[in-house]
Amino acid sequence: MKRIKLHFGIIIIMLLGTTSLSAKCYSFRKANGVKICINGDSNANRRKAISICKDITNLDCGGIGGYTDSCHKNEKIKCYNEEAKEQKHIMVD
């Protein structure tokens, strides 16, 4: 019985560790040069980033191509926050 409780406790700790929220700057498969930075990393946050990308570009951005913890605007990349406002530099946790 102690063994079952120990395993259950370990599983709970692992689940809690993987569900922590963190912000991400997402890039997209079909929208080169656009990054959308969103607070959180859930499926809902990813869908929100895709929706913002579509609203900004008026194109199908495709799925999430990757993510980073920051975005720096330059001649090839434009950075947007979750309010769809362009920013020069966005750093997320």
Protein backbone atom coordinates (compact mmCIF):
# COMPACT_ATOMS: atom_id res chain seq x y z
CA MET A 1 0.00 0.00 0.00
CA LYS A 2 2.86 2.38 0.80
CA ARG A 3 4.31 1.68 -2.62
CA ILE A 4 1.06 2.68 -4.35
CA LYS A 5 0.88 5.93 -2.37
CA LEU A 6 4.48 6.71 -3.24
CA HIS A 7 3.88 6.11 -6.97
CA PHE A 8 0.69 8.15 -6.86
CA GLY A 9 2.55 11.02 -5.18
CA ILE A 10 5.31 10.93 -7.79
CA ILE A 11 2.76 11.00 -10.61
CA ILE A 12 0.97 13.99 -9.06
CA ILE A 13 4.26 15.89 -8.70
CA MET A 14 5.17 15.13 -12.33
CA LEU A 15 1.78 16.32 -13.56
CA LEU A 16 1.98 19.53 -11.56
CA GLY A 17 5.45 20.18 -12.91
CA THR A 18 4.34 19.83 -16.54
CA THR A 19 1.26 22.03 -16.19
CA SER A 20 3.06 25.18 -15.12
CA LEU A 21 2.34 28.17 -17.31
CA SER A 22 5.03 29.94 -19.21
CA ALA A 23 4.90 32.55 -21.90
CA LYS A 24 6.10 31.87 -25.43
CA CYS A 25 6.86 33.77 -28.63
CA TYR A 26 5.44 31.58 -31.39
CA SER A 27 6.54 31.41 -35.01
CA PHE A 28 4.39 29.87 -37.73
CA ARG A 29 4.87 27.39 -40.57
CA LYS A 30 3.34 29.57 -43.29
CA ALA A 31 4.02 33.07 -41.96
CA ASN A 32 7.74 33.70 -42.14
CA GLY A 33 8.85 36.75 -40.24
CA VAL A 34 5.96 36.95 -37.75
CA LYS A 35 6.17 36.08 -34.07
CA ILE A 36 3.29 36.36 -31.62
CA CYS A 37 4.16 36.44 -27.90
CA ILE A 38 1.45 35.07 -25.60
CA ASN A 39 1.29 34.54 -21.84
CA GLY A 40 0.86 30.82 -21.30
CA ASP A 41 1.51 27.67 -23.29
CA SER A 42 -1.82 25.86 -23.44
CA ASN A 43 -3.63 24.76 -26.58
CA ALA A 44 -5.96 27.74 -26.13
CA ASN A 45 -2.94 30.08 -26.04
CA ARG A 46 -1.57 28.50 -29.21
CA ARG A 47 -4.93 28.91 -30.96
CA LYS A 48 -5.00 32.55 -29.84
CA ALA A 49 -1.52 33.12 -31.31
CA ILE A 50 -2.61 31.54 -34.61
CA SER A 51 -5.73 33.72 -34.66
CA ILE A 52 -3.72 36.90 -34.02
CA CYS A 53 -1.30 35.93 -36.79
CA LYS A 54 -4.19 35.41 -39.21
CA ASP A 55 -5.74 38.77 -38.25
CA ILE A 56 -2.42 40.61 -38.74
CA THR A 57 -1.36 38.98 -42.01
CA ASN A 58 -4.79 38.25 -43.53
CA LEU A 59 -3.35 34.84 -44.44
CA ASP A 60 -3.48 31.28 -43.17
CA CYS A 61 -0.40 31.21 -40.93
CA GLY A 62 -0.45 27.43 -40.62
CA GLY A 63 0.37 25.70 -37.38
CA ILE A 64 2.93 26.64 -34.78
CA GLY A 65 6.38 26.21 -36.28
CA GLY A 66 8.33 26.79 -33.07
CA TYR A 67 8.70 29.06 -30.08
CA THR A 68 11.30 31.07 -28.21
CA ASP A 69 11.42 33.11 -25.02
CA SER A 70 11.94 36.43 -26.79
CA CYS A 71 11.41 38.33 -30.01
CA HIS A 72 13.60 41.08 -31.45
CA LYS A 73 12.19 43.08 -34.35
CA ASN A 74 14.48 43.39 -37.36
CA GLU A 75 14.19 43.59 -41.15
CA LYS A 76 13.05 39.93 -41.31
CA ILE A 77 10.98 39.51 -38.13
CA LYS A 78 8.07 41.46 -36.71
CA CYS A 79 7.04 40.92 -33.08
CA TYR A 80 3.49 41.21 -31.78
CA ASN A 81 2.09 40.93 -28.26
CA GLU A 82 -1.18 39.24 -27.37
CA GLU A 83 -3.07 42.48 -28.07
CA ALA A 84 -1.77 42.27 -31.68
CA LYS A 85 0.39 45.37 -31.18
CA GLU A 86 3.76 45.41 -32.88
CA GLN A 87 6.71 45.72 -30.49
CA LYS A 88 10.45 46.21 -30.99
CA HIS A 89 11.45 43.75 -28.30
CA ILE A 90 9.46 41.25 -26.24
CA MET A 91 10.98 39.11 -23.50
CA VAL A 92 8.87 36.42 -21.83
CA ASP A 93 9.47 34.17 -18.82
